[in-house]
C-alpha atoms as a PDB file:
ATOM      1  CA  UNK A   1      23.179 -19.661   7.434  1.00  0.00           C
ATOM      2  CA  UNK A   2      23.981 -20.258  10.976  1.00  0.00           C
ATOM      3  CA  UNK A   3      26.100 -17.758  13.176  1.00  0.00           C
ATOM      4  CA  UNK A   4      28.950 -19.568  14.321  1.00  0.00           C
ATOM      5  CA  UNK A   5      29.261 -19.847  10.316  1.00  0.00           C
ATOM      6  CA  UNK A   6      30.098 -15.865  10.180  1.00  0.00           C
ATOM      7  CA  UNK A   7      32.433 -15.635  12.885  1.00  0.00           C
ATOM      8  CA  UNK A   8      35.890 -15.603  12.730  1.00  0.00           C
ATOM      9  CA  UNK A   9      38.098 -18.676  13.042  1.00  0.00           C
ATOM     10  CA  UNK A  10      40.440 -17.509  15.658  1.00  0.00           C
ATOM     11  CA  UNK A  11      40.378 -18.666  19.018  1.00  0.00           C
ATOM     12  CA  UNK A  12      40.049 -15.041  20.831  1.00  0.00           C
ATOM     13  CA  UNK A  13      36.811 -13.572  19.348  1.00  0.00           C
ATOM     14  CA  UNK A  14      38.107  -9.999  17.518  1.00  0.00           C
ATOM     15  CA  UNK A  15      35.767  -6.756  17.707  1.00  0.00           C
ATOM     16  CA  UNK A  16      37.495  -5.551  14.609  1.00  0.00           C
ATOM     17  CA  UNK A  17      35.048  -8.405  12.821  1.00  0.00           C
ATOM     18  CA  UNK A  18      32.146  -6.464  14.398  1.00  0.00           C
ATOM     19  CA  UNK A  19      33.238  -3.217  13.648  1.00  0.00           C
ATOM     20  CA  UNK A  20      34.021  -4.376   9.356  1.00  0.00           C
ATOM     21  CA  UNK A  21      30.690  -6.070   9.687  1.00  0.00           C
ATOM     22  CA  UNK A  22      29.008  -2.623  10.510  1.00  0.00           C
ATOM     23  CA  UNK A  23      31.206  -0.334   7.959  1.00  0.00           C
ATOM     24  CA  UNK A  24      29.749  -2.931   5.391  1.00  0.00           C
ATOM     25  CA  UNK A  25      26.330  -2.435   6.227  1.00  0.00           C
ATOM     26  CA  UNK A  26      26.515   1.467   6.654  1.00  0.00           C
ATOM     27  CA  UNK A  27      28.113   1.516   3.274  1.00  0.00           C
ATOM     28  CA  UNK A  28      24.985  -0.123   1.242  1.00  0.00           C
ATOM     29  CA  UNK A  29      22.544   2.263  -0.007  1.00  0.00           C
ATOM     30  CA  UNK A  30      18.773   1.334  -0.181  1.00  0.00           C
ATOM     31  CA  UNK A  31      16.648   1.997  -2.973  1.00  0.00           C
ATOM     32  CA  UNK A  32      13.159   3.772  -1.720  1.00  0.00           C
ATOM     33  CA  UNK A  33      12.721   5.123  -4.644  1.00  0.00           C
ATOM     34  CA  UNK A  34      12.071   1.974  -7.215  1.00  0.00           C
ATOM     35  CA  UNK A  35       9.034   2.429  -9.539  1.00  0.00           C
ATOM     36  CA  UNK A  36       5.794   0.734  -9.125  1.00  0.00           C
ATOM     37  CA  UNK A  37       5.047  -2.193 -10.046  1.00  0.00           C
ATOM     38  CA  UNK A  38       1.086  -3.822 -10.235  1.00  0.00           C
ATOM     39  CA  UNK A  39       0.364  -7.428  -8.660  1.00  0.00           C
ATOM     40  CA  UNK A  40      -0.001 -10.106 -11.364  1.00  0.00           C
ATOM     41  CA  UNK A  41      -4.340  -9.989 -11.672  1.00  0.00           C
ATOM     42  CA  UNK A  42      -5.393 -13.231 -10.172  1.00  0.00           C
ATOM     43  CA  UNK A  43      -8.834 -14.743 -10.637  1.00  0.00           C
ATOM     44  CA  UNK A  44     -10.874 -13.942  -7.915  1.00  0.00           C
ATOM     45  CA  UNK A  45     -12.191 -17.354  -5.920  1.00  0.00           C
ATOM     46  CA  UNK A  46     -15.541 -19.101  -7.513  1.00  0.00           C
ATOM     47  CA  UNK A  47     -18.621 -20.494  -5.782  1.00  0.00           C
ATOM     48  CA  UNK A  48     -18.878 -17.382  -4.026  1.00  0.00           C
ATOM     49  CA  UNK A  49     -22.947 -15.361  -3.918  1.00  0.00           C
ATOM     50  CA  UNK A  50     -22.748 -12.680  -5.967  1.00  0.00           C
ATOM     51  CA  UNK A  51     -23.070 -10.121  -3.671  1.00  0.00           C
ATOM     52  CA  UNK A  52     -19.507 -11.040  -2.306  1.00  0.00           C
ATOM     53  CA  UNK A  53     -18.119 -10.079  -5.777  1.00  0.00           C
ATOM     54  CA  UNK A  54     -20.061  -6.585  -5.692  1.00  0.00           C
ATOM     55  CA  UNK A  55     -18.740  -5.546  -2.023  1.00  0.00           C
ATOM     56  CA  UNK A  56     -15.657  -6.831  -3.144  1.00  0.00           C
ATOM     57  CA  UNK A  57     -15.181  -4.518  -6.359  1.00  0.00           C
ATOM     58  CA  UNK A  58     -16.993  -1.794  -4.818  1.00  0.00           C
ATOM     59  CA  UNK A  59     -14.152  -1.791  -1.712  1.00  0.00           C
ATOM     60  CA  UNK A  60     -11.619  -1.719  -4.342  1.00  0.00           C
ATOM     61  CA  UNK A  61     -12.980   1.239  -6.539  1.00  0.00           C
ATOM     62  CA  UNK A  62     -13.523   2.762  -2.747  1.00  0.00           C
ATOM     63  CA  UNK A  63     -10.207   2.322  -1.879  1.00  0.00           C
ATOM     64  CA  UNK A  64      -8.814   3.254  -4.978  1.00  0.00           C
ATOM     65  CA  UNK A  65     -10.805   6.754  -4.980  1.00  0.00           C
ATOM     66  CA  UNK A  66      -9.557   7.642  -1.238  1.00  0.00           C
ATOM     67  CA  UNK A  67      -5.793   6.877  -2.208  1.00  0.00           C
ATOM     68  CA  UNK A  68      -5.945   9.508  -4.815  1.00  0.00           C
ATOM     69  CA  UNK A  69      -8.436  11.792  -3.121  1.00  0.00           C
ATOM     70  CA  UNK A  70      -5.663  11.795  -0.284  1.00  0.00           C
ATOM     71  CA  UNK A  71      -2.603  12.168  -3.153  1.00  0.00           C
ATOM     72  CA  UNK A  72      -4.932  15.444  -4.440  1.00  0.00           C
ATOM     73  CA  UNK A  73      -5.037  17.045  -1.298  1.00  0.00           C
ATOM     74  CA  UNK A  74      -8.191  15.899  -0.063  1.00  0.00           C
ATOM     75  CA  UNK A  75      -7.676  14.789   3.495  1.00  0.00           C
ATOM     76  CA  UNK A  76     -11.200  15.605   5.703  1.00  0.00           C
ATOM     77  CA  UNK A  77     -14.114  13.310   4.488  1.00  0.00           C
ATOM     78  CA  UNK A  78     -16.443  16.896   5.072  1.00  0.00           C
ATOM     79  CA  UNK A  79     -14.116  18.157   2.516  1.00  0.00           C
ATOM     80  CA  UNK A  80     -15.306  14.736  -0.264  1.00  0.00           C
ATOM     81  CA  UNK A  81     -18.682  15.282  -1.628  1.00  0.00           C
ATOM     82  CA  UNK A  82     -20.256  13.424  -3.745  1.00  0.00           C
ATOM     83  CA  UNK A  83     -19.693  15.467  -6.884  1.00  0.00           C
ATOM     84  CA  UNK A  84     -15.898  15.956  -5.190  1.00  0.00           C
ATOM     85  CA  UNK A  85     -15.460  12.224  -5.559  1.00  0.00           C
ATOM     86  CA  UNK A  86     -17.126  11.641  -8.915  1.00  0.00           C
ATOM     87  CA  UNK A  87     -15.451  14.212 -10.407  1.00  0.00           C
ATOM     88  CA  UNK A  88     -12.015  12.417  -9.381  1.00  0.00           C
ATOM     89  CA  UNK A  89     -13.160   9.347 -10.354  1.00  0.00           C
ATOM     90  CA  UNK A  90     -13.469  10.595 -13.962  1.00  0.00           C
ATOM     91  CA  UNK A  91      -9.862  12.485 -13.885  1.00  0.00           C
ATOM     92  CA  UNK A  92      -9.075   9.008 -12.452  1.00  0.00           C
ATOM     93  CA  UNK A  93     -10.979   6.976 -14.959  1.00  0.00           C
ATOM     94  CA  UNK A  94     -12.828   5.173 -13.365  1.00  0.00           C
ATOM     95  CA  UNK A  95     -16.538   5.208 -13.645  1.00  0.00           C
ATOM     96  CA  UNK A  96     -18.847   7.092 -11.862  1.00  0.00           C
ATOM     97  CA  UNK A  97     -19.011   5.717  -8.292  1.00  0.00           C
ATOM     98  CA  UNK A  98     -22.790   4.759  -6.606  1.00  0.00           C
ATOM     99  CA  UNK A  99     -23.895   6.834  -3.534  1.00  0.00           C
ATOM    100  CA  UNK A 100     -22.670   3.791  -1.569  1.00  0.00           C
ATOM    101  CA  UNK A 101     -19.285   4.200  -2.939  1.00  0.00           C
ATOM    102  CA  UNK A 102     -19.127   7.621  -2.210  1.00  0.00           C
ATOM    103  CA  UNK A 103     -19.899   6.627   1.334  1.00  0.00           C
ATOM    104  CA  UNK A 104     -17.247   3.909   1.662  1.00  0.00           C
ATOM    105  CA  UNK A 105     -14.842   6.676   0.634  1.00  0.00           C
ATOM    106  CA  UNK A 106     -15.530   8.820   3.603  1.00  0.00           C
ATOM    107  CA  UNK A 107     -15.891   5.674   5.949  1.00  0.00           C
ATOM    108  CA  UNK A 108     -12.041   5.125   4.734  1.00  0.00           C
ATOM    109  CA  UNK A 109     -10.673   8.552   5.004  1.00  0.00           C
ATOM    110  CA  UNK A 110     -12.392   9.034   8.370  1.00  0.00           C
ATOM    111  CA  UNK A 111     -11.077   5.511   9.468  1.00  0.00           C
ATOM    112  CA  UNK A 112      -7.530   6.135   8.433  1.00  0.00           C
ATOM    113  CA  UNK A 113      -7.280   8.701  11.038  1.00  0.00           C
END
């Protein structure tokens, strides 16, 4: 909607329209605590080499594990050894990660700082 359509139709500009607009915006409450709904899953693009799909899924798993570790209070990469990462995967319900995935989890925790 153009800005001209929002202004009052009187010939003199009045400040009362600005104050009523700011009061109206100030009274609105923004809901931040909405329930989380995951995005709809879409198929991965076809035609890529198998290594691309393996690496893509490995990155997703590493990201899930890094988020779970951060939520549990493990903030430093040196606190996240392979045993702790694998036990977190078991707690979350993810298959145990490989050594490469554990390394990626620590890298994600390191570079997010």
